[in-house]
Amino acid sequence: MSITIENPEAEALLADLAAQTRRSPPDLLLALLQRERERLEREVADGIESGRILHERTHASPMVDPRPIDEILAYDEDGLPV
């Protein structure tokens, strides 16, 4: 597969980084793409972990009001306020 970069800024950045790191542009692009994929995988894993923690904390919390939601909101069976 061949990649064509038609963005002057991207081309300039790639050339600059390749010169500074003394790596070929394809090797540099590969390393940058791998790093970005790893970063995204960490973000997804962190999000999943945050959701798990939130779930555990929510279910570990004591029941504040055990009444059914209809009773708490004080509406009758026709949807009118009580």
PDB file of N, CA and C in Angstrom:
ATOM      1  N   MET A   1       0.840  -1.169   0.000  1.00  0.00           N
ATOM      2  CA  MET A   1       0.000   0.000   0.000  1.00  0.00           C
ATOM      3  C   MET A   1       0.887   1.234   0.000  1.00  0.00           C
ATOM      4  N   SER A   2       0.456   2.206  -0.723  1.00  0.00           N
ATOM      5  CA  SER A   2       1.201   3.450  -0.826  1.00  0.00           C
ATOM      6  C   SER A   2       0.379   4.578  -0.222  1.00  0.00           C
ATOM      7  N   ILE A   3       1.049   5.489   0.463  1.00  0.00           N
ATOM      8  CA  ILE A   3       0.382   6.640   1.065  1.00  0.00           C
ATOM      9  C   ILE A   3       0.887   7.897   0.388  1.00  0.00           C
ATOM     10  N   THR A   4      -0.039   8.718  -0.032  1.00  0.00           N
ATOM     11  CA  THR A   4       0.314  10.001  -0.624  1.00  0.00           C
ATOM     12  C   THR A   4      -0.143  11.092   0.335  1.00  0.00           C
ATOM     13  N   ILE A   5       0.771  11.943   0.712  1.00  0.00           N
ATOM     14  CA  ILE A   5       0.442  13.052   1.603  1.00  0.00           C
ATOM     15  C   ILE A   5       0.327  14.309   0.754  1.00  0.00           C
ATOM     16  N   GLU A   6      -0.869  14.857   0.738  1.00  0.00           N
ATOM     17  CA  GLU A   6      -1.107  16.060  -0.051  1.00  0.00           C
ATOM     18  C   GLU A   6      -1.382  17.240   0.873  1.00  0.00           C
ATOM     19  N   ASN A   7      -0.571  17.336   1.905  1.00  0.00           N
ATOM     20  CA  ASN A   7      -0.713  18.422   2.866  1.00  0.00           C
ATOM     21  C   ASN A   7       0.687  18.970   3.114  1.00  0.00           C
ATOM     22  N   PRO A   8       0.958  20.186   2.681  1.00  0.00           N
ATOM     23  CA  PRO A   8       2.306  20.742   2.819  1.00  0.00           C
ATOM     24  C   PRO A   8       2.803  20.787   4.274  1.00  0.00           C
ATOM     25  N   GLU A   9       1.905  21.091   5.196  1.00  0.00           N
ATOM     26  CA  GLU A   9       2.316  21.149   6.597  1.00  0.00           C
ATOM     27  C   GLU A   9       2.708  19.766   7.106  1.00  0.00           C
ATOM     28  N   ALA A  10       1.913  18.760   6.753  1.00  0.00           N
ATOM     29  CA  ALA A  10       2.222  17.389   7.167  1.00  0.00           C
ATOM     30  C   ALA A  10       3.536  16.925   6.548  1.00  0.00           C
ATOM     31  N   GLU A  11       3.737  17.239   5.285  1.00  0.00           N
ATOM     32  CA  GLU A  11       4.987  16.863   4.620  1.00  0.00           C
ATOM     33  C   GLU A  11       6.181  17.530   5.290  1.00  0.00           C
ATOM     34  N   ALA A  12       6.040  18.810   5.634  1.00  0.00           N
ATOM     35  CA  ALA A  12       7.133  19.539   6.278  1.00  0.00           C
ATOM     36  C   ALA A  12       7.427  18.971   7.664  1.00  0.00           C
ATOM     37  N   LEU A  13       6.377  18.669   8.417  1.00  0.00           N
ATOM     38  CA  LEU A  13       6.573  18.082   9.753  1.00  0.00           C
ATOM     39  C   LEU A  13       7.243  16.722   9.659  1.00  0.00           C
ATOM     40  N   LEU A  14       6.801  15.924   8.712  1.00  0.00           N
ATOM     41  CA  LEU A  14       7.392  14.598   8.535  1.00  0.00           C
ATOM     42  C   LEU A  14       8.863  14.712   8.148  1.00  0.00           C
ATOM     43  N   ALA A  15       9.176  15.599   7.230  1.00  0.00           N
ATOM     44  CA  ALA A  15      10.569  15.784   6.818  1.00  0.00           C
ATOM     45  C   ALA A  15      11.418  16.288   7.980  1.00  0.00           C
ATOM     46  N   ASP A  16      10.870  17.218   8.760  1.00  0.00           N
ATOM     47  CA  ASP A  16      11.598  17.767   9.904  1.00  0.00           C
ATOM     48  C   ASP A  16      11.858  16.690  10.960  1.00  0.00           C
ATOM     49  N   LEU A  17      10.811  15.928  11.297  1.00  0.00           N
ATOM     50  CA  LEU A  17      10.984  14.859  12.294  1.00  0.00           C
ATOM     51  C   LEU A  17      11.916  13.764  11.792  1.00  0.00           C
ATOM     52  N   ALA A  18      11.814  13.441  10.528  1.00  0.00           N
ATOM     53  CA  ALA A  18      12.707  12.424   9.960  1.00  0.00           C
ATOM     54  C   ALA A  18      14.157  12.879  10.041  1.00  0.00           C
ATOM     55  N   ALA A  19      14.403  14.156   9.762  1.00  0.00           N
ATOM     56  CA  ALA A  19      15.765  14.686   9.841  1.00  0.00           C
ATOM     57  C   ALA A  19      16.266  14.693  11.282  1.00  0.00           C
ATOM     58  N   GLN A  20      15.399  15.111  12.208  1.00  0.00           N
ATOM     59  CA  GLN A  20      15.807  15.190  13.618  1.00  0.00           C
ATOM     60  C   GLN A  20      16.053  13.819  14.224  1.00  0.00           C
ATOM     61  N   THR A  21      15.240  12.853  13.854  1.00  0.00           N
ATOM     62  CA  THR A  21      15.370  11.520  14.447  1.00  0.00           C
ATOM     63  C   THR A  21      16.275  10.599  13.645  1.00  0.00           C
ATOM     64  N   ARG A  22      16.660  11.041  12.433  1.00  0.00           N
ATOM     65  CA  ARG A  22      17.486  10.243  11.525  1.00  0.00           C
ATOM     66  C   ARG A  22      16.826   8.904  11.200  1.00  0.00           C
ATOM     67  N   ARG A  23      15.493   8.949  11.063  1.00  0.00           N
ATOM     68  CA  ARG A  23      14.725   7.764  10.676  1.00  0.00           C
ATOM     69  C   ARG A  23      14.104   8.045   9.317  1.00  0.00           C
ATOM     70  N   SER A  24      13.834   7.001   8.594  1.00  0.00           N
ATOM     71  CA  SER A  24      13.188   7.190   7.293  1.00  0.00           C
ATOM     72  C   SER A  24      11.728   7.592   7.532  1.00  0.00           C
ATOM     73  N   PRO A  25      11.156   8.374   6.635  1.00  0.00           N
ATOM     74  CA  PRO A  25       9.750   8.763   6.801  1.00  0.00           C
ATOM     75  C   PRO A  25       8.796   7.581   6.989  1.00  0.00           C
ATOM     76  N   PRO A  26       8.926   6.475   6.229  1.00  0.00           N
ATOM     77  CA  PRO A  26       8.018   5.343   6.484  1.00  0.00           C
ATOM     78  C   PRO A  26       8.179   4.754   7.885  1.00  0.00           C
ATOM     79  N   ASP A  27       9.429   4.619   8.357  1.00  0.00           N
ATOM     80  CA  ASP A  27       9.646   4.091   9.709  1.00  0.00           C
ATOM     81  C   ASP A  27       9.088   5.033  10.763  1.00  0.00           C
ATOM     82  N   LEU A  28       9.278   6.319  10.551  1.00  0.00           N
ATOM     83  CA  LEU A  28       8.774   7.320  11.479  1.00  0.00           C
ATOM     84  C   LEU A  28       7.253   7.308  11.513  1.00  0.00           C
ATOM     85  N   LEU A  29       6.617   7.263  10.356  1.00  0.00           N
ATOM     86  CA  LEU A  29       5.159   7.195  10.300  1.00  0.00           C
ATOM     87  C   LEU A  29       4.634   5.940  10.992  1.00  0.00           C
ATOM     88  N   LEU A  30       5.283   4.820  10.765  1.00  0.00           N
ATOM     89  CA  LEU A  30       4.867   3.578  11.401  1.00  0.00           C
ATOM     90  C   LEU A  30       4.950   3.705  12.919  1.00  0.00           C
ATOM     91  N   ALA A  31       6.046   4.246  13.425  1.00  0.00           N
ATOM     92  CA  ALA A  31       6.213   4.413  14.873  1.00  0.00           C
ATOM     93  C   ALA A  31       5.155   5.357  15.444  1.00  0.00           C
ATOM     94  N   LEU A  32       4.884   6.442  14.739  1.00  0.00           N
ATOM     95  CA  LEU A  32       3.880   7.398  15.205  1.00  0.00           C
ATOM     96  C   LEU A  32       2.481   6.785  15.200  1.00  0.00           C
ATOM     97  N   LEU A  33       2.162   6.027  14.178  1.00  0.00           N
ATOM     98  CA  LEU A  33       0.856   5.376  14.113  1.00  0.00           C
ATOM     99  C   LEU A  33       0.703   4.322  15.210  1.00  0.00           C
ATOM    100  N   GLN A  34       1.764   3.565  15.462  1.00  0.00           N
ATOM    101  CA  GLN A  34       1.711   2.562  16.534  1.00  0.00           C
ATOM    102  C   GLN A  34       1.522   3.234  17.892  1.00  0.00           C
ATOM    103  N   ARG A  35       2.221   4.341  18.105  1.00  0.00           N
ATOM    104  CA  ARG A  35       2.097   5.078  19.361  1.00  0.00           C
ATOM    105  C   ARG A  35       0.677   5.610  19.538  1.00  0.00           C
ATOM    106  N   GLU A  36       0.088   6.116  18.464  1.00  0.00           N
ATOM    107  CA  GLU A  36      -1.281   6.630  18.533  1.00  0.00           C
ATOM    108  C   GLU A  36      -2.280   5.517  18.809  1.00  0.00           C
ATOM    109  N   ARG A  37      -2.083   4.354  18.185  1.00  0.00           N
ATOM    110  CA  ARG A  37      -2.965   3.221  18.445  1.00  0.00           C
ATOM    111  C   ARG A  37      -2.873   2.793  19.907  1.00  0.00           C
ATOM    112  N   GLU A  38      -1.668   2.731  20.452  1.00  0.00           N
ATOM    113  CA  GLU A  38      -1.489   2.371  21.864  1.00  0.00           C
ATOM    114  C   GLU A  38      -2.158   3.390  22.776  1.00  0.00           C
ATOM    115  N   ARG A  39      -2.067   4.679  22.430  1.00  0.00           N
ATOM    116  CA  ARG A  39      -2.693   5.726  23.239  1.00  0.00           C
ATOM    117  C   ARG A  39      -4.215   5.550  23.239  1.00  0.00           C
ATOM    118  N   LEU A  40      -4.777   5.275  22.074  1.00  0.00           N
ATOM    119  CA  LEU A  40      -6.221   5.081  21.986  1.00  0.00           C
ATOM    120  C   LEU A  40      -6.663   3.834  22.750  1.00  0.00           C
ATOM    121  N   GLU A  41      -5.878   2.774  22.672  1.00  0.00           N
ATOM    122  CA  GLU A  41      -6.211   1.557  23.415  1.00  0.00           C
ATOM    123  C   GLU A  41      -6.189   1.821  24.916  1.00  0.00           C
ATOM    124  N   ARG A  42      -5.223   2.631  25.385  1.00  0.00           N
ATOM    125  CA  ARG A  42      -5.173   2.997  26.805  1.00  0.00           C
ATOM    126  C   ARG A  42      -6.400   3.814  27.194  1.00  0.00           C
ATOM    127  N   GLU A  43      -6.803   4.757  26.327  1.00  0.00           N
ATOM    128  CA  GLU A  43      -7.984   5.577  26.609  1.00  0.00           C
ATOM    129  C   GLU A  43      -9.235   4.711  26.718  1.00  0.00           C
ATOM    130  N   VAL A  44      -9.384   3.763  25.813  1.00  0.00           N
ATOM    131  CA  VAL A  44     -10.539   2.873  25.855  1.00  0.00           C
ATOM    132  C   VAL A  44     -10.501   2.040  27.130  1.00  0.00           C
ATOM    133  N   ALA A  45      -9.344   1.489  27.453  1.00  0.00           N
ATOM    134  CA  ALA A  45      -9.214   0.681  28.666  1.00  0.00           C
ATOM    135  C   ALA A  45      -9.498   1.524  29.907  1.00  0.00           C
ATOM    136  N   ASP A  46      -9.009   2.760  29.922  1.00  0.00           N
ATOM    137  CA  ASP A  46      -9.266   3.657  31.056  1.00  0.00           C
ATOM    138  C   ASP A  46     -10.756   3.969  31.168  1.00  0.00           C
ATOM    139  N   GLY A  47     -11.420   4.175  30.031  1.00  0.00           N
ATOM    140  CA  GLY A  47     -12.854   4.443  30.038  1.00  0.00           C
ATOM    141  C   GLY A  47     -13.648   3.257  30.556  1.00  0.00           C
ATOM    142  N   ILE A  48     -13.262   2.072  30.136  1.00  0.00           N
ATOM    143  CA  ILE A  48     -13.937   0.860  30.610  1.00  0.00           C
ATOM    144  C   ILE A  48     -13.732   0.706  32.114  1.00  0.00           C
ATOM    145  N   GLU A  49     -12.515   0.951  32.567  1.00  0.00           N
ATOM    146  CA  GLU A  49     -12.218   0.844  34.001  1.00  0.00           C
ATOM    147  C   GLU A  49     -13.008   1.887  34.791  1.00  0.00           C
ATOM    148  N   SER A  50     -13.103   3.102  34.283  1.00  0.00           N
ATOM    149  CA  SER A  50     -13.875   4.149  34.957  1.00  0.00           C
ATOM    150  C   SER A  50     -15.344   3.751  35.056  1.00  0.00           C
ATOM    151  N   GLY A  51     -15.879   3.189  33.989  1.00  0.00           N
ATOM    152  CA  GLY A  51     -17.263   2.726  33.999  1.00  0.00           C
ATOM    153  C   GLY A  51     -17.474   1.612  35.005  1.00  0.00           C
ATOM    154  N   ARG A  52     -16.514   0.697  35.090  1.00  0.00           N
ATOM    155  CA  ARG A  52     -16.613  -0.400  36.057  1.00  0.00           C
ATOM    156  C   ARG A  52     -16.612   0.129  37.480  1.00  0.00           C
ATOM    157  N   ILE A  53     -15.722   1.083  37.759  1.00  0.00           N
ATOM    158  CA  ILE A  53     -15.635   1.671  39.104  1.00  0.00           C
ATOM    159  C   ILE A  53     -16.927   2.405  39.444  1.00  0.00           C
ATOM    160  N   LEU A  54     -17.450   3.180  38.495  1.00  0.00           N
ATOM    161  CA  LEU A  54     -18.705   3.892  38.721  1.00  0.00           C
ATOM    162  C   LEU A  54     -19.828   2.911  39.007  1.00  0.00           C
ATOM    163  N   HIS A  55     -19.885   1.828  38.235  1.00  0.00           N
ATOM    164  CA  HIS A  55     -20.905   0.799  38.428  1.00  0.00           C
ATOM    165  C   HIS A  55     -20.797   0.197  39.832  1.00  0.00           C
ATOM    166  N   GLU A  56     -19.591  -0.149  40.243  1.00  0.00           N
ATOM    167  CA  GLU A  56     -19.392  -0.743  41.573  1.00  0.00           C
ATOM    168  C   GLU A  56     -19.785   0.225  42.675  1.00  0.00           C
ATOM    169  N   ARG A  57     -19.385   1.486  42.542  1.00  0.00           N
ATOM    170  CA  ARG A  57     -19.724   2.480  43.575  1.00  0.00           C
ATOM    171  C   ARG A  57     -21.222   2.717  43.652  1.00  0.00           C
ATOM    172  N   THR A  58     -21.861   2.756  42.499  1.00  0.00           N
ATOM    173  CA  THR A  58     -23.307   2.990  42.471  1.00  0.00           C
ATOM    174  C   THR A  58     -24.035   1.842  43.154  1.00  0.00           C
ATOM    175  N   HIS A  59     -23.660   0.629  42.846  1.00  0.00           N
ATOM    176  CA  HIS A  59     -24.336  -0.525  43.442  1.00  0.00           C
ATOM    177  C   HIS A  59     -23.943  -0.757  44.894  1.00  0.00           C
ATOM    178  N   ALA A  60     -22.837  -0.181  45.316  1.00  0.00           N
ATOM    179  CA  ALA A  60     -22.424  -0.318  46.714  1.00  0.00           C
ATOM    180  C   ALA A  60     -23.070   0.753  47.593  1.00  0.00           C
ATOM    181  N   SER A  61     -23.624   1.785  46.969  1.00  0.00           N
ATOM    182  CA  SER A  61     -24.257   2.866  47.734  1.00  0.00           C
ATOM    183  C   SER A  61     -25.530   2.357  48.394  1.00  0.00           C
ATOM    184  N   PRO A  62     -25.807   2.862  49.601  1.00  0.00           N
ATOM    185  CA  PRO A  62     -27.036   2.439  50.268  1.00  0.00           C
ATOM    186  C   PRO A  62     -28.259   3.006  49.546  1.00  0.00           C
ATOM    187  N   MET A  63     -29.390   2.313  49.672  1.00  0.00           N
ATOM    188  CA  MET A  63     -30.636   2.771  49.083  1.00  0.00           C
ATOM    189  C   MET A  63     -31.105   3.989  49.881  1.00  0.00           C
ATOM    190  N   VAL A  64     -31.218   5.123  49.240  1.00  0.00           N
ATOM    191  CA  VAL A  64     -31.600   6.354  49.919  1.00  0.00           C
ATOM    192  C   VAL A  64     -33.103   6.360  50.186  1.00  0.00           C
ATOM    193  N   ASP A  65     -33.879   5.971  49.221  1.00  0.00           N
ATOM    194  CA  ASP A  65     -35.337   5.965  49.368  1.00  0.00           C
ATOM    195  C   ASP A  65     -35.868   4.702  48.686  1.00  0.00           C
ATOM    196  N   PRO A  66     -36.318   3.735  49.463  1.00  0.00           N
ATOM    197  CA  PRO A  66     -36.728   2.460  48.894  1.00  0.00           C
ATOM    198  C   PRO A  66     -38.102   2.479  48.214  1.00  0.00           C
ATOM    199  N   ARG A  67     -38.814   3.630  48.255  1.00  0.00           N
ATOM    200  CA  ARG A  67     -40.147   3.678  47.649  1.00  0.00           C
ATOM    201  C   ARG A  67     -40.069   3.533  46.128  1.00  0.00           C
ATOM    202  N   PRO A  68     -41.123   3.039  45.514  1.00  0.00           N
ATOM    203  CA  PRO A  68     -41.154   2.968  44.043  1.00  0.00           C
ATOM    204  C   PRO A  68     -41.092   4.374  43.454  1.00  0.00           C
ATOM    205  N   ILE A  69     -40.579   4.484  42.244  1.00  0.00           N
ATOM    206  CA  ILE A  69     -40.389   5.790  41.612  1.00  0.00           C
ATOM    207  C   ILE A  69     -41.707   6.545  41.468  1.00  0.00           C
ATOM    208  N   ASP A  70     -42.803   5.834  41.190  1.00  0.00           N
ATOM    209  CA  ASP A  70     -44.109   6.504  41.068  1.00  0.00           C
ATOM    210  C   ASP A  70     -44.524   7.171  42.375  1.00  0.00           C
ATOM    211  N   GLU A  71     -44.196   6.531  43.462  1.00  0.00           N
ATOM    212  CA  GLU A  71     -44.533   7.099  44.765  1.00  0.00           C
ATOM    213  C   GLU A  71     -43.635   8.291  45.101  1.00  0.00           C
ATOM    214  N   ILE A  72     -42.386   8.207  44.743  1.00  0.00           N
ATOM    215  CA  ILE A  72     -41.449   9.302  45.001  1.00  0.00           C
ATOM    216  C   ILE A  72     -41.863  10.537  44.207  1.00  0.00           C
ATOM    217  N   LEU A  73     -42.229  10.354  42.949  1.00  0.00           N
ATOM    218  CA  LEU A  73     -42.604  11.480  42.104  1.00  0.00           C
ATOM    219  C   LEU A  73     -44.007  11.980  42.394  1.00  0.00           C
ATOM    220  N   ALA A  74     -44.779  11.218  43.135  1.00  0.00           N
ATOM    221  CA  ALA A  74     -46.111  11.591  43.582  1.00  0.00           C
ATOM    222  C   ALA A  74     -47.078  11.840  42.429  1.00  0.00           C
ATOM    223  N   TYR A  75     -47.143  10.918  41.482  1.00  0.00           N
ATOM    224  CA  TYR A  75     -48.124  10.960  40.407  1.00  0.00           C
ATOM    225  C   TYR A  75     -49.016   9.742  40.534  1.00  0.00           C
ATOM    226  N   ASP A  76     -50.268   9.900  40.214  1.00  0.00           N
ATOM    227  CA  ASP A  76     -51.153   8.756  40.284  1.00  0.00           C
ATOM    228  C   ASP A  76     -51.073   7.929  38.996  1.00  0.00           C
ATOM    229  N   GLU A  77     -51.924   6.891  38.883  1.00  0.00           N
ATOM    230  CA  GLU A  77     -51.857   5.990  37.738  1.00  0.00           C
ATOM    231  C   GLU A  77     -52.227   6.672  36.413  1.00  0.00           C
ATOM    232  N   ASP A  78     -52.869   7.839  36.480  1.00  0.00           N
ATOM    233  CA  ASP A  78     -53.223   8.595  35.271  1.00  0.00           C
ATOM    234  C   ASP A  78     -52.163   9.642  34.930  1.00  0.00           C
ATOM    235  N   GLY A  79     -51.113   9.708  35.708  1.00  0.00           N
ATOM    236  CA  GLY A  79     -50.038  10.660  35.433  1.00  0.00           C
ATOM    237  C   GLY A  79     -50.291  12.039  35.988  1.00  0.00           C
ATOM    238  N   LEU A  80     -51.264  12.155  36.883  1.00  0.00           N
ATOM    239  CA  LEU A  80     -51.575  13.461  37.479  1.00  0.00           C
ATOM    240  C   LEU A  80     -50.891  13.587  38.835  1.00  0.00           C
ATOM    241  N   PRO A  81     -50.483  14.811  39.193  1.00  0.00           N
ATOM    242  CA  PRO A  81     -49.865  14.991  40.520  1.00  0.00           C
ATOM    243  C   PRO A  81     -50.830  14.630  41.639  1.00  0.00           C
ATOM    244  N   VAL A  82     -50.305  14.046  42.677  1.00  0.00           N
ATOM    245  CA  VAL A  82     -51.118  13.638  43.821  1.00  0.00           C
ATOM    246  C   VAL A  82     -51.246  14.787  44.785  1.00  0.00           C
TER     247      VAL A  82
END
